Amino acid sequence: MLTHEQLTAVFAEWDRRADAGGWEGNARVPEESARVFNEIAIALFPALGPARVKLGDIRPGDRIELDGGFDCIAAGIVDVHSDEGGLYFDCRQGRHALARQEDEPGAPLVGVISHTPHGAAS
């Protein structure tokens, strides 16, 4: 839930964008308004966005949720495996190494939305 200060900041940015005419789509349509509100809130307060999963958080047997940005697999939940090359998930091209999803060592994994440790309820 947003605090009063966060709501005030989101609506101030909303007004700034409206005044600048920088809308993509029609923000008066409910679905578009929700998208724009969410986009602004997450841009201003990143902790409100999706979990920021890092490679060091994941172990073989865990499950991760992928966004739709992969060419080799559809969005969804996959099992994580390990071999001598490190952690990976199965995809249409064989195996997709999770280390390839780091922009830099220790950075959150690009395209990984959430993480469920092995044995935890999903």
PDB file of N, CA and C in Angstrom:
ATOM      1  N   MET A   1       0.845  -1.174   0.000  1.00  0.00           N
ATOM      2  CA  MET A   1       0.000   0.000   0.000  1.00  0.00           C
ATOM      3  C   MET A   1       0.893   1.241   0.000  1.00  0.00           C
ATOM      4  N   LEU A   2       0.501   2.222  -0.762  1.00  0.00           N
ATOM      5  CA  LEU A   2       1.260   3.468  -0.839  1.00  0.00           C
ATOM      6  C   LEU A   2       0.933   4.378   0.340  1.00  0.00           C
ATOM      7  N   THR A   3       1.941   5.095   0.796  1.00  0.00           N
ATOM      8  CA  THR A   3       1.715   6.097   1.838  1.00  0.00           C
ATOM      9  C   THR A   3       1.128   7.352   1.197  1.00  0.00           C
ATOM     10  N   HIS A   4       0.672   8.257   2.011  1.00  0.00           N
ATOM     11  CA  HIS A   4       0.132   9.520   1.507  1.00  0.00           C
ATOM     12  C   HIS A   4       1.189  10.272   0.701  1.00  0.00           C
ATOM     13  N   GLU A   5       2.424  10.275   1.197  1.00  0.00           N
ATOM     14  CA  GLU A   5       3.509  10.963   0.505  1.00  0.00           C
ATOM     15  C   GLU A   5       3.798  10.323  -0.847  1.00  0.00           C
ATOM     16  N   GLN A   6       3.759   8.998  -0.902  1.00  0.00           N
ATOM     17  CA  GLN A   6       3.992   8.306  -2.172  1.00  0.00           C
ATOM     18  C   GLN A   6       2.873   8.608  -3.167  1.00  0.00           C
ATOM     19  N   LEU A   7       1.626   8.571  -2.709  1.00  0.00           N
ATOM     20  CA  LEU A   7       0.502   8.904  -3.590  1.00  0.00           C
ATOM     21  C   LEU A   7       0.628  10.320  -4.126  1.00  0.00           C
ATOM     22  N   THR A   8       0.996  11.239  -3.250  1.00  0.00           N
ATOM     23  CA  THR A   8       1.169  12.631  -3.666  1.00  0.00           C
ATOM     24  C   THR A   8       2.241  12.732  -4.748  1.00  0.00           C
ATOM     25  N   ALA A   9       3.350  12.014  -4.572  1.00  0.00           N
ATOM     26  CA  ALA A   9       4.438  12.033  -5.564  1.00  0.00           C
ATOM     27  C   ALA A   9       3.992  11.426  -6.890  1.00  0.00           C
ATOM     28  N   VAL A  10       3.239  10.329  -6.840  1.00  0.00           N
ATOM     29  CA  VAL A  10       2.767   9.683  -8.069  1.00  0.00           C
ATOM     30  C   VAL A  10       1.842  10.626  -8.831  1.00  0.00           C
ATOM     31  N   PHE A  11       0.901  11.260  -8.131  1.00  0.00           N
ATOM     32  CA  PHE A  11      -0.026  12.155  -8.824  1.00  0.00           C
ATOM     33  C   PHE A  11       0.647  13.433  -9.309  1.00  0.00           C
ATOM     34  N   ALA A  12       1.691  13.878  -8.632  1.00  0.00           N
ATOM     35  CA  ALA A  12       2.451  15.039  -9.123  1.00  0.00           C
ATOM     36  C   ALA A  12       3.138  14.686 -10.443  1.00  0.00           C
ATOM     37  N   GLU A  13       3.719  13.482 -10.518  1.00  0.00           N
ATOM     38  CA  GLU A  13       4.346  13.033 -11.765  1.00  0.00           C
ATOM     39  C   GLU A  13       3.288  12.821 -12.845  1.00  0.00           C
ATOM     40  N   TRP A  14       2.135  12.300 -12.469  1.00  0.00           N
ATOM     41  CA  TRP A  14       1.007  12.116 -13.395  1.00  0.00           C
ATOM     42  C   TRP A  14       0.650  13.466 -14.021  1.00  0.00           C
ATOM     43  N   ASP A  15       0.496  14.489 -13.178  1.00  0.00           N
ATOM     44  CA  ASP A  15       0.157  15.832 -13.666  1.00  0.00           C
ATOM     45  C   ASP A  15       1.255  16.379 -14.577  1.00  0.00           C
ATOM     46  N   ARG A  16       2.518  16.169 -14.194  1.00  0.00           N
ATOM     47  CA  ARG A  16       3.620  16.650 -15.016  1.00  0.00           C
ATOM     48  C   ARG A  16       3.569  16.019 -16.403  1.00  0.00           C
ATOM     49  N   ARG A  17       3.347  14.701 -16.450  1.00  0.00           N
ATOM     50  CA  ARG A  17       3.262  14.011 -17.742  1.00  0.00           C
ATOM     51  C   ARG A  17       2.061  14.482 -18.551  1.00  0.00           C
ATOM     52  N   ALA A  18       0.947  14.682 -17.870  1.00  0.00           N
ATOM     53  CA  ALA A  18      -0.263  15.146 -18.577  1.00  0.00           C
ATOM     54  C   ALA A  18      -0.022  16.527 -19.180  1.00  0.00           C
ATOM     55  N   ASP A  19       0.624  17.413 -18.418  1.00  0.00           N
ATOM     56  CA  ASP A  19       0.914  18.757 -18.917  1.00  0.00           C
ATOM     57  C   ASP A  19       1.887  18.719 -20.089  1.00  0.00           C
ATOM     58  N   ALA A  20       2.816  17.771 -20.060  1.00  0.00           N
ATOM     59  CA  ALA A  20       3.808  17.663 -21.127  1.00  0.00           C
ATOM     60  C   ALA A  20       3.242  16.930 -22.347  1.00  0.00           C
ATOM     61  N   GLY A  21       2.079  16.315 -22.191  1.00  0.00           N
ATOM     62  CA  GLY A  21       1.470  15.589 -23.304  1.00  0.00           C
ATOM     63  C   GLY A  21       2.190  14.299 -23.632  1.00  0.00           C
ATOM     64  N   GLY A  22       2.882  13.729 -22.666  1.00  0.00           N
ATOM     65  CA  GLY A  22       3.694  12.545 -22.925  1.00  0.00           C
ATOM     66  C   GLY A  22       3.006  11.232 -22.648  1.00  0.00           C
ATOM     67  N   TRP A  23       1.746  11.088 -22.977  1.00  0.00           N
ATOM     68  CA  TRP A  23       1.048   9.824 -22.748  1.00  0.00           C
ATOM     69  C   TRP A  23       1.238   8.887 -23.916  1.00  0.00           C
ATOM     70  N   GLU A  24       1.413   7.618 -23.591  1.00  0.00           N
ATOM     71  CA  GLU A  24       1.348   6.559 -24.612  1.00  0.00           C
ATOM     72  C   GLU A  24      -0.027   5.941 -24.436  1.00  0.00           C
ATOM     73  N   GLY A  25      -0.889   6.076 -25.395  1.00  0.00           N
ATOM     74  CA  GLY A  25      -2.246   5.564 -25.257  1.00  0.00           C
ATOM     75  C   GLY A  25      -3.131   6.618 -24.623  1.00  0.00           C
ATOM     76  N   ASN A  26      -4.278   6.218 -24.161  1.00  0.00           N
ATOM     77  CA  ASN A  26      -5.253   7.127 -23.575  1.00  0.00           C
ATOM     78  C   ASN A  26      -5.357   6.860 -22.085  1.00  0.00           C
ATOM     79  N   ALA A  27      -4.815   7.746 -21.260  1.00  0.00           N
ATOM     80  CA  ALA A  27      -4.799   7.541 -19.817  1.00  0.00           C
ATOM     81  C   ALA A  27      -6.177   7.706 -19.193  1.00  0.00           C
ATOM     82  N   ARG A  28      -7.172   8.083 -19.985  1.00  0.00           N
ATOM     83  CA  ARG A  28      -8.527   8.182 -19.444  1.00  0.00           C
ATOM     84  C   ARG A  28      -9.261   6.843 -19.499  1.00  0.00           C
ATOM     85  N   VAL A  29      -8.731   5.906 -20.258  1.00  0.00           N
ATOM     86  CA  VAL A  29      -9.303   4.561 -20.314  1.00  0.00           C
ATOM     87  C   VAL A  29      -8.818   3.825 -19.060  1.00  0.00           C
ATOM     88  N   PRO A  30      -9.715   3.166 -18.296  1.00  0.00           N
ATOM     89  CA  PRO A  30      -9.300   2.559 -17.019  1.00  0.00           C
ATOM     90  C   PRO A  30      -8.075   1.663 -17.104  1.00  0.00           C
ATOM     91  N   GLU A  31      -8.006   0.805 -18.116  1.00  0.00           N
ATOM     92  CA  GLU A  31      -6.852  -0.098 -18.214  1.00  0.00           C
ATOM     93  C   GLU A  31      -5.557   0.683 -18.426  1.00  0.00           C
ATOM     94  N   GLU A  32      -5.613   1.724 -19.244  1.00  0.00           N
ATOM     95  CA  GLU A  32      -4.429   2.549 -19.493  1.00  0.00           C
ATOM     96  C   GLU A  32      -4.065   3.359 -18.252  1.00  0.00           C
ATOM     97  N   SER A  33      -5.073   3.878 -17.537  1.00  0.00           N
ATOM     98  CA  SER A  33      -4.777   4.651 -16.326  1.00  0.00           C
ATOM     99  C   SER A  33      -4.070   3.786 -15.307  1.00  0.00           C
ATOM    100  N   ALA A  34      -4.524   2.542 -15.147  1.00  0.00           N
ATOM    101  CA  ALA A  34      -3.884   1.639 -14.190  1.00  0.00           C
ATOM    102  C   ALA A  34      -2.443   1.360 -14.605  1.00  0.00           C
ATOM    103  N   ARG A  35      -2.217   1.148 -15.909  1.00  0.00           N
ATOM    104  CA  ARG A  35      -0.858   0.886 -16.400  1.00  0.00           C
ATOM    105  C   ARG A  35       0.046   2.082 -16.144  1.00  0.00           C
ATOM    106  N   VAL A  36      -0.451   3.284 -16.472  1.00  0.00           N
ATOM    107  CA  VAL A  36       0.354   4.495 -16.291  1.00  0.00           C
ATOM    108  C   VAL A  36       0.636   4.729 -14.804  1.00  0.00           C
ATOM    109  N   PHE A  37      -0.378   4.566 -13.965  1.00  0.00           N
ATOM    110  CA  PHE A  37      -0.198   4.752 -12.521  1.00  0.00           C
ATOM    111  C   PHE A  37       0.872   3.794 -12.007  1.00  0.00           C
ATOM    112  N   ASN A  38       0.765   2.517 -12.396  1.00  0.00           N
ATOM    113  CA  ASN A  38       1.721   1.495 -11.970  1.00  0.00           C
ATOM    114  C   ASN A  38       3.129   1.831 -12.455  1.00  0.00           C
ATOM    115  N   GLU A  39       3.245   2.229 -13.701  1.00  0.00           N
ATOM    116  CA  GLU A  39       4.540   2.588 -14.275  1.00  0.00           C
ATOM    117  C   GLU A  39       5.187   3.732 -13.490  1.00  0.00           C
ATOM    118  N   ILE A  40       4.399   4.757 -13.185  1.00  0.00           N
ATOM    119  CA  ILE A  40       4.927   5.910 -12.430  1.00  0.00           C
ATOM    120  C   ILE A  40       5.313   5.483 -11.025  1.00  0.00           C
ATOM    121  N   ALA A  41       4.440   4.745 -10.344  1.00  0.00           N
ATOM    122  CA  ALA A  41       4.709   4.336  -8.965  1.00  0.00           C
ATOM    123  C   ALA A  41       5.992   3.512  -8.875  1.00  0.00           C
ATOM    124  N   ILE A  42       6.181   2.576  -9.806  1.00  0.00           N
ATOM    125  CA  ILE A  42       7.379   1.732  -9.772  1.00  0.00           C
ATOM    126  C   ILE A  42       8.627   2.529 -10.151  1.00  0.00           C
ATOM    127  N   ALA A  43       8.488   3.481 -11.080  1.00  0.00           N
ATOM    128  CA  ALA A  43       9.638   4.320 -11.444  1.00  0.00           C
ATOM    129  C   ALA A  43      10.088   5.171 -10.256  1.00  0.00           C
ATOM    130  N   LEU A  44       9.130   5.688  -9.505  1.00  0.00           N
ATOM    131  CA  LEU A  44       9.469   6.528  -8.351  1.00  0.00           C
ATOM    132  C   LEU A  44       9.885   5.714  -7.131  1.00  0.00           C
ATOM    133  N   PHE A  45       9.298   4.531  -6.983  1.00  0.00           N
ATOM    134  CA  PHE A  45       9.526   3.692  -5.804  1.00  0.00           C
ATOM    135  C   PHE A  45       9.790   2.253  -6.252  1.00  0.00           C
ATOM    136  N   PRO A  46      11.023   1.952  -6.691  1.00  0.00           N
ATOM    137  CA  PRO A  46      11.336   0.632  -7.256  1.00  0.00           C
ATOM    138  C   PRO A  46      10.982  -0.552  -6.357  1.00  0.00           C
ATOM    139  N   ALA A  47      10.987  -0.356  -5.054  1.00  0.00           N
ATOM    140  CA  ALA A  47      10.661  -1.469  -4.146  1.00  0.00           C
ATOM    141  C   ALA A  47       9.224  -1.949  -4.330  1.00  0.00           C
ATOM    142  N   LEU A  48       8.382  -1.137  -4.973  1.00  0.00           N
ATOM    143  CA  LEU A  48       6.997  -1.541  -5.227  1.00  0.00           C
ATOM    144  C   LEU A  48       6.901  -2.477  -6.418  1.00  0.00           C
ATOM    145  N   GLY A  49       7.956  -2.546  -7.210  1.00  0.00           N
ATOM    146  CA  GLY A  49       7.948  -3.351  -8.426  1.00  0.00           C
ATOM    147  C   GLY A  49       8.211  -4.819  -8.142  1.00  0.00           C
ATOM    148  N   PRO A  50       8.442  -5.563  -9.212  1.00  0.00           N
ATOM    149  CA  PRO A  50       8.701  -6.991  -9.059  1.00  0.00           C
ATOM    150  C   PRO A  50       9.942  -7.253  -8.216  1.00  0.00           C
ATOM    151  N   ALA A  51       9.976  -8.424  -7.630  1.00  0.00           N
ATOM    152  CA  ALA A  51      11.143  -8.815  -6.842  1.00  0.00           C
ATOM    153  C   ALA A  51      12.387  -8.708  -7.715  1.00  0.00           C
ATOM    154  N   ARG A  52      13.461  -8.324  -7.113  1.00  0.00           N
ATOM    155  CA  ARG A  52      14.732  -8.200  -7.827  1.00  0.00           C
ATOM    156  C   ARG A  52      15.573  -9.414  -7.467  1.00  0.00           C
ATOM    157  N   VAL A  53      15.449 -10.459  -8.256  1.00  0.00           N
ATOM    158  CA  VAL A  53      16.108 -11.735  -7.986  1.00  0.00           C
ATOM    159  C   VAL A  53      17.548 -11.689  -8.481  1.00  0.00           C
ATOM    160  N   LYS A  54      18.458 -12.138  -7.623  1.00  0.00           N
ATOM    161  CA  LYS A  54      19.873 -12.199  -7.987  1.00  0.00           C
ATOM    162  C   LYS A  54      20.307 -13.654  -8.098  1.00  0.00           C
ATOM    163  N   LEU A  55      21.327 -13.881  -8.898  1.00  0.00           N
ATOM    164  CA  LEU A  55      21.831 -15.231  -9.142  1.00  0.00           C
ATOM    165  C   LEU A  55      22.174 -15.939  -7.829  1.00  0.00           C
ATOM    166  N   GLY A  56      22.764 -15.228  -6.894  1.00  0.00           N
ATOM    167  CA  GLY A  56      23.150 -15.818  -5.612  1.00  0.00           C
ATOM    168  C   GLY A  56      21.975 -16.259  -4.754  1.00  0.00           C
ATOM    169  N   ASP A  57      20.743 -15.810  -5.096  1.00  0.00           N
ATOM    170  CA  ASP A  57      19.546 -16.202  -4.352  1.00  0.00           C
ATOM    171  C   ASP A  57      19.024 -17.564  -4.781  1.00  0.00           C
ATOM    172  N   ILE A  58      19.461 -18.050  -5.936  1.00  0.00           N
ATOM    173  CA  ILE A  58      18.855 -19.221  -6.570  1.00  0.00           C
ATOM    174  C   ILE A  58      19.726 -20.460  -6.397  1.00  0.00           C
ATOM    175  N   ARG A  59      19.052 -21.584  -6.159  1.00  0.00           N
ATOM    176  CA  ARG A  59      19.727 -22.885  -6.013  1.00  0.00           C
ATOM    177  C   ARG A  59      19.065 -23.893  -6.952  1.00  0.00           C
ATOM    178  N   PRO A  60      19.771 -24.978  -7.302  1.00  0.00           N
ATOM    179  CA  PRO A  60      19.143 -26.027  -8.106  1.00  0.00           C
ATOM    180  C   PRO A  60      17.875 -26.537  -7.411  1.00  0.00           C
ATOM    181  N   GLY A  61      16.820 -26.771  -8.185  1.00  0.00           N
ATOM    182  CA  GLY A  61      15.552 -27.233  -7.635  1.00  0.00           C
ATOM    183  C   GLY A  61      14.576 -26.109  -7.341  1.00  0.00           C
ATOM    184  N   ASP A  62      15.081 -24.858  -7.307  1.00  0.00           N
ATOM    185  CA  ASP A  62      14.199 -23.715  -7.106  1.00  0.00           C
ATOM    186  C   ASP A  62      13.361 -23.495  -8.366  1.00  0.00           C
ATOM    187  N   ARG A  63      12.336 -22.675  -8.246  1.00  0.00           N
ATOM    188  CA  ARG A  63      11.519 -22.298  -9.398  1.00  0.00           C
ATOM    189  C   ARG A  63      11.607 -20.791  -9.548  1.00  0.00           C
ATOM    190  N   ILE A  64      11.670 -20.342 -10.803  1.00  0.00           N
ATOM    191  CA  ILE A  64      11.699 -18.911 -11.076  1.00  0.00           C
ATOM    192  C   ILE A  64      10.600 -18.571 -12.082  1.00  0.00           C
ATOM    193  N   GLU A  65      10.111 -17.355 -11.995  1.00  0.00           N
ATOM    194  CA  GLU A  65       9.110 -16.879 -12.946  1.00  0.00           C
ATOM    195  C   GLU A  65       9.801 -15.963 -13.941  1.00  0.00           C
ATOM    196  N   LEU A  66       9.598 -16.244 -15.228  1.00  0.00           N
ATOM    197  CA  LEU A  66      10.217 -15.470 -16.300  1.00  0.00           C
ATOM    198  C   LEU A  66       9.198 -14.523 -16.923  1.00  0.00           C
ATOM    199  N   ASP A  67       9.661 -13.363 -17.337  1.00  0.00           N
ATOM    200  CA  ASP A  67       8.776 -12.452 -18.064  1.00  0.00           C
ATOM    201  C   ASP A  67       8.718 -12.888 -19.525  1.00  0.00           C
ATOM    202  N   GLY A  68       8.068 -12.138 -20.358  1.00  0.00           N
ATOM    203  CA  GLY A  68       7.903 -12.514 -21.760  1.00  0.00           C
ATOM    204  C   GLY A  68       9.014 -12.054 -22.672  1.00  0.00           C
ATOM    205  N   GLY A  69      10.157 -11.671 -22.140  1.00  0.00           N
ATOM    206  CA  GLY A  69      11.224 -11.110 -22.948  1.00  0.00           C
ATOM    207  C   GLY A  69      12.223 -12.104 -23.519  1.00  0.00           C
ATOM    208  N   PHE A  70      11.990 -13.391 -23.345  1.00  0.00           N
ATOM    209  CA  PHE A  70      12.919 -14.398 -23.839  1.00  0.00           C
ATOM    210  C   PHE A  70      12.480 -14.888 -25.214  1.00  0.00           C
ATOM    211  N   ASP A  71      13.441 -15.038 -26.134  1.00  0.00           N
ATOM    212  CA  ASP A  71      13.140 -15.587 -27.455  1.00  0.00           C
ATOM    213  C   ASP A  71      13.004 -17.107 -27.416  1.00  0.00           C
ATOM    214  N   CYS A  72      13.597 -17.739 -26.425  1.00  0.00           N
ATOM    215  CA  CYS A  72      13.687 -19.198 -26.390  1.00  0.00           C
ATOM    216  C   CYS A  72      12.631 -19.864 -25.518  1.00  0.00           C
ATOM    217  N   ILE A  73      11.801 -19.059 -24.825  1.00  0.00           N
ATOM    218  CA  ILE A  73      10.802 -19.643 -23.920  1.00  0.00           C
ATOM    219  C   ILE A  73       9.722 -18.608 -23.638  1.00  0.00           C
ATOM    220  N   ALA A  74       8.504 -19.087 -23.459  1.00  0.00           N
ATOM    221  CA  ALA A  74       7.383 -18.192 -23.141  1.00  0.00           C
ATOM    222  C   ALA A  74       7.452 -17.787 -21.667  1.00  0.00           C
ATOM    223  N   ALA A  75       6.768 -16.706 -21.342  1.00  0.00           N
ATOM    224  CA  ALA A  75       6.668 -16.280 -19.945  1.00  0.00           C
ATOM    225  C   ALA A  75       6.066 -17.414 -19.121  1.00  0.00           C
ATOM    226  N   GLY A  76       6.531 -17.549 -17.899  1.00  0.00           N
ATOM    227  CA  GLY A  76       5.982 -18.575 -17.023  1.00  0.00           C
ATOM    228  C   GLY A  76       6.979 -19.017 -15.979  1.00  0.00           C
ATOM    229  N   ILE A  77       6.630 -20.068 -15.268  1.00  0.00           N
ATOM    230  CA  ILE A  77       7.457 -20.576 -14.177  1.00  0.00           C
ATOM    231  C   ILE A  77       8.245 -21.790 -14.666  1.00  0.00           C
ATOM    232  N   VAL A  78       9.537 -21.799 -14.352  1.00  0.00           N
ATOM    233  CA  VAL A  78      10.425 -22.885 -14.773  1.00  0.00           C
ATOM    234  C   VAL A  78      11.228 -23.394 -13.582  1.00  0.00           C
ATOM    235  N   ASP A  79      11.685 -24.641 -13.707  1.00  0.00           N
ATOM    236  CA  ASP A  79      12.565 -25.239 -12.704  1.00  0.00           C
ATOM    237  C   ASP A  79      14.011 -24.876 -13.022  1.00  0.00           C
ATOM    238  N   VAL A  80      14.786 -24.661 -11.987  1.00  0.00           N
ATOM    239  CA  VAL A  80      16.205 -24.349 -12.141  1.00  0.00           C
ATOM    240  C   VAL A  80      17.020 -25.621 -11.937  1.00  0.00           C
ATOM    241  N   HIS A  81      17.975 -25.845 -12.824  1.00  0.00           N
ATOM    242  CA  HIS A  81      18.867 -27.003 -12.771  1.00  0.00           C
ATOM    243  C   HIS A  81      20.308 -26.499 -12.683  1.00  0.00           C
ATOM    244  N   SER A  82      21.227 -27.434 -12.464  1.00  0.00           N
ATOM    245  CA  SER A  82      22.640 -27.069 -12.379  1.00  0.00           C
ATOM    246  C   SER A  82      23.484 -28.148 -13.035  1.00  0.00           C
ATOM    247  N   ASP A  83      24.559 -27.708 -13.681  1.00  0.00           N
ATOM    248  CA  ASP A  83      25.576 -28.623 -14.199  1.00  0.00           C
ATOM    249  C   ASP A  83      26.922 -27.931 -14.027  1.00  0.00           C
ATOM    250  N   GLU A  84      27.955 -28.478 -14.650  1.00  0.00           N
ATOM    251  CA  GLU A  84      29.291 -27.889 -14.498  1.00  0.00           C
ATOM    252  C   GLU A  84      29.360 -26.447 -14.985  1.00  0.00           C
ATOM    253  N   GLY A  85      28.436 -26.041 -15.845  1.00  0.00           N
ATOM    254  CA  GLY A  85      28.406 -24.668 -16.350  1.00  0.00           C
ATOM    255  C   GLY A  85      27.656 -23.699 -15.459  1.00  0.00           C
ATOM    256  N   GLY A  86      26.982 -24.215 -14.442  1.00  0.00           N
ATOM    257  CA  GLY A  86      26.244 -23.348 -13.529  1.00  0.00           C
ATOM    258  C   GLY A  86      24.741 -23.584 -13.599  1.00  0.00           C
ATOM    259  N   LEU A  87      23.985 -22.617 -13.113  1.00  0.00           N
ATOM    260  CA  LEU A  87      22.531 -22.729 -13.065  1.00  0.00           C
ATOM    261  C   LEU A  87      21.923 -22.445 -14.433  1.00  0.00           C
ATOM    262  N   TYR A  88      20.837 -23.169 -14.749  1.00  0.00           N
ATOM    263  CA  TYR A  88      20.168 -22.973 -16.034  1.00  0.00           C
ATOM    264  C   TYR A  88      18.720 -23.406 -15.933  1.00  0.00           C
ATOM    265  N   PHE A  89      17.930 -23.065 -16.948  1.00  0.00           N
ATOM    266  CA  PHE A  89      16.587 -23.624 -17.113  1.00  0.00           C
ATOM    267  C   PHE A  89      16.494 -24.145 -18.534  1.00  0.00           C
ATOM    268  N   ASP A  90      15.626 -25.139 -18.732  1.00  0.00           N
ATOM    269  CA  ASP A  90      15.436 -25.722 -20.054  1.00  0.00           C
ATOM    270  C   ASP A  90      14.618 -24.762 -20.919  1.00  0.00           C
ATOM    271  N   CYS A  91      14.997 -24.674 -22.197  1.00  0.00           N
ATOM    272  CA  CYS A  91      14.288 -23.806 -23.139  1.00  0.00           C
ATOM    273  C   CYS A  91      14.257 -24.492 -24.503  1.00  0.00           C
ATOM    274  N   ARG A  92      13.642 -23.848 -25.479  1.00  0.00           N
ATOM    275  CA  ARG A  92      13.539 -24.447 -26.822  1.00  0.00           C
ATOM    276  C   ARG A  92      14.905 -24.683 -27.463  1.00  0.00           C
ATOM    277  N   GLN A  93      15.895 -23.939 -27.044  1.00  0.00           N
ATOM    278  CA  GLN A  93      17.223 -24.089 -27.626  1.00  0.00           C
ATOM    279  C   GLN A  93      18.114 -25.018 -26.801  1.00  0.00           C
ATOM    280  N   GLY A  94      17.541 -25.645 -25.786  1.00  0.00           N
ATOM    281  CA  GLY A  94      18.307 -26.553 -24.934  1.00  0.00           C
ATOM    282  C   GLY A  94      18.348 -26.059 -23.512  1.00  0.00           C
ATOM    283  N   ARG A  95      19.420 -25.354 -23.168  1.00  0.00           N
ATOM    284  CA  ARG A  95      19.609 -24.839 -21.808  1.00  0.00           C
ATOM    285  C   ARG A  95      19.924 -23.354 -21.873  1.00  0.00           C
ATOM    286  N   HIS A  96      19.298 -22.596 -20.971  1.00  0.00           N
ATOM    287  CA  HIS A  96      19.549 -21.159 -20.905  1.00  0.00           C
ATOM    288  C   HIS A  96      20.248 -20.881 -19.577  1.00  0.00           C
ATOM    289  N   ALA A  97      21.507 -20.468 -19.653  1.00  0.00           N
ATOM    290  CA  ALA A  97      22.302 -20.194 -18.452  1.00  0.00           C
ATOM    291  C   ALA A  97      21.791 -18.940 -17.750  1.00  0.00           C
ATOM    292  N   LEU A  98      21.544 -19.045 -16.459  1.00  0.00           N
ATOM    293  CA  LEU A  98      21.048 -17.887 -15.707  1.00  0.00           C
ATOM    294  C   LEU A  98      22.105 -16.788 -15.612  1.00  0.00           C
ATOM    295  N   ALA A  99      23.371 -17.151 -15.628  1.00  0.00           N
ATOM    296  CA  ALA A  99      24.423 -16.133 -15.570  1.00  0.00           C
ATOM    297  C   ALA A  99      24.329 -15.164 -16.751  1.00  0.00           C
ATOM    298  N   ARG A 100      23.743 -15.612 -17.874  1.00  0.00           N
ATOM    299  CA  ARG A 100      23.574 -14.731 -19.040  1.00  0.00           C
ATOM    300  C   ARG A 100      22.572 -13.615 -18.765  1.00  0.00           C
ATOM    301  N   GLN A 101      21.815 -13.723 -17.679  1.00  0.00           N
ATOM    302  CA  GLN A 101      20.789 -12.724 -17.370  1.00  0.00           C
ATOM    303  C   GLN A 101      21.296 -11.618 -16.453  1.00  0.00           C
ATOM    304  N   GLU A 102      22.575 -11.685 -16.080  1.00  0.00           N
ATOM    305  CA  GLU A 102      23.174 -10.624 -15.256  1.00  0.00           C
ATOM    306  C   GLU A 102      23.763  -9.554 -16.164  1.00  0.00           C
ATOM    307  N   ASP A 103      23.383  -8.304 -15.957  1.00  0.00           N
ATOM    308  CA  ASP A 103      24.017  -7.217 -16.697  1.00  0.00           C
ATOM    309  C   ASP A 103      25.451  -7.029 -16.221  1.00  0.00           C
ATOM    310  N   GLU A 104      25.662  -7.272 -14.943  1.00  0.00           N
ATOM    311  CA  GLU A 104      26.995  -7.232 -14.336  1.00  0.00           C
ATOM    312  C   GLU A 104      26.951  -8.147 -13.124  1.00  0.00           C
ATOM    313  N   PRO A 105      28.091  -8.659 -12.664  1.00  0.00           N
ATOM    314  CA  PRO A 105      28.077  -9.588 -11.530  1.00  0.00           C
ATOM    315  C   PRO A 105      27.355  -8.996 -10.318  1.00  0.00           C
ATOM    316  N   GLY A 106      26.447  -9.792  -9.758  1.00  0.00           N
ATOM    317  CA  GLY A 106      25.705  -9.365  -8.569  1.00  0.00           C
ATOM    318  C   GLY A 106      24.452  -8.554  -8.865  1.00  0.00           C
ATOM    319  N   ALA A 107      24.243  -8.188 -10.124  1.00  0.00           N
ATOM    320  CA  ALA A 107      23.059  -7.393 -10.489  1.00  0.00           C
ATOM    321  C   ALA A 107      21.831  -8.294 -10.523  1.00  0.00           C
ATOM    322  N   PRO A 108      20.634  -7.718 -10.336  1.00  0.00           N
ATOM    323  CA  PRO A 108      19.421  -8.529 -10.482  1.00  0.00           C
ATOM    324  C   PRO A 108      19.348  -9.143 -11.878  1.00  0.00           C
ATOM    325  N   LEU A 109      18.759 -10.314 -11.957  1.00  0.00           N
ATOM    326  CA  LEU A 109      18.657 -11.034 -13.224  1.00  0.00           C
ATOM    327  C   LEU A 109      17.596 -10.394 -14.115  1.00  0.00           C
ATOM    328  N   VAL A 110      17.960 -10.063 -15.317  1.00  0.00           N
ATOM    329  CA  VAL A 110      17.042  -9.495 -16.291  1.00  0.00           C
ATOM    330  C   VAL A 110      16.054 -10.574 -16.717  1.00  0.00           C
ATOM    331  N   GLY A 111      14.776 -10.267 -16.681  1.00  0.00           N
ATOM    332  CA  GLY A 111      13.754 -11.193 -17.136  1.00  0.00           C
ATOM    333  C   GLY A 111      13.238 -12.162 -16.094  1.00  0.00           C
ATOM    334  N   VAL A 112      13.833 -12.162 -14.900  1.00  0.00           N
ATOM    335  CA  VAL A 112      13.376 -13.046 -13.829  1.00  0.00           C
ATOM    336  C   VAL A 112      12.525 -12.224 -12.870  1.00  0.00           C
ATOM    337  N   ILE A 113      11.240 -12.576 -12.797  1.00  0.00           N
ATOM    338  CA  ILE A 113      10.279 -11.792 -12.016  1.00  0.00           C
ATOM    339  C   ILE A 113      10.261 -12.206 -10.553  1.00  0.00           C
ATOM    340  N   SER A 114      10.264 -13.510 -10.292  1.00  0.00           N
ATOM    341  CA  SER A 114      10.188 -13.973  -8.912  1.00  0.00           C
ATOM    342  C   SER A 114      10.928 -15.291  -8.753  1.00  0.00           C
ATOM    343  N   HIS A 115      11.084 -15.681  -7.498  1.00  0.00           N
ATOM    344  CA  HIS A 115      11.881 -16.856  -7.152  1.00  0.00           C
ATOM    345  C   HIS A 115      11.170 -17.588  -6.023  1.00  0.00           C
ATOM    346  N   THR A 116      11.021 -18.900  -6.166  1.00  0.00           N
ATOM    347  CA  THR A 116      10.450 -19.739  -5.094  1.00  0.00           C
ATOM    348  C   THR A 116      11.475 -20.808  -4.761  1.00  0.00           C
ATOM    349  N   PRO A 117      12.024 -20.767  -3.529  1.00  0.00           N
ATOM    350  CA  PRO A 117      13.003 -21.780  -3.160  1.00  0.00           C
ATOM    351  C   PRO A 117      12.411 -23.193  -3.194  1.00  0.00           C
ATOM    352  N   HIS A 118      13.266 -24.164  -3.476  1.00  0.00           N
ATOM    353  CA  HIS A 118      12.859 -25.575  -3.521  1.00  0.00           C
ATOM    354  C   HIS A 118      12.165 -25.937  -2.213  1.00  0.00           C
ATOM    355  N   GLY A 119      11.017 -26.573  -2.329  1.00  0.00           N
ATOM    356  CA  GLY A 119      10.282 -27.018  -1.150  1.00  0.00           C
ATOM    357  C   GLY A 119       9.316 -25.991  -0.582  1.00  0.00           C
ATOM    358  N   ALA A 120       9.397 -24.742  -1.037  1.00  0.00           N
ATOM    359  CA  ALA A 120       8.461 -23.709  -0.558  1.00  0.00           C
ATOM    360  C   ALA A 120       7.176 -23.811  -1.353  1.00  0.00           C
ATOM    361  N   ALA A 121       6.082 -23.402  -0.759  1.00  0.00           N
ATOM    362  CA  ALA A 121       4.800 -23.398  -1.466  1.00  0.00           C
ATOM    363  C   ALA A 121       4.862 -22.367  -2.588  1.00  0.00           C
ATOM    364  N   SER A 122       4.323 -22.712  -3.770  1.00  0.00           N
ATOM    365  CA  SER A 122       4.335 -21.747  -4.868  1.00  0.00           C
ATOM    366  C   SER A 122       3.001 -21.097  -5.028  1.00  0.00           C
TER     367      SER A 122
END
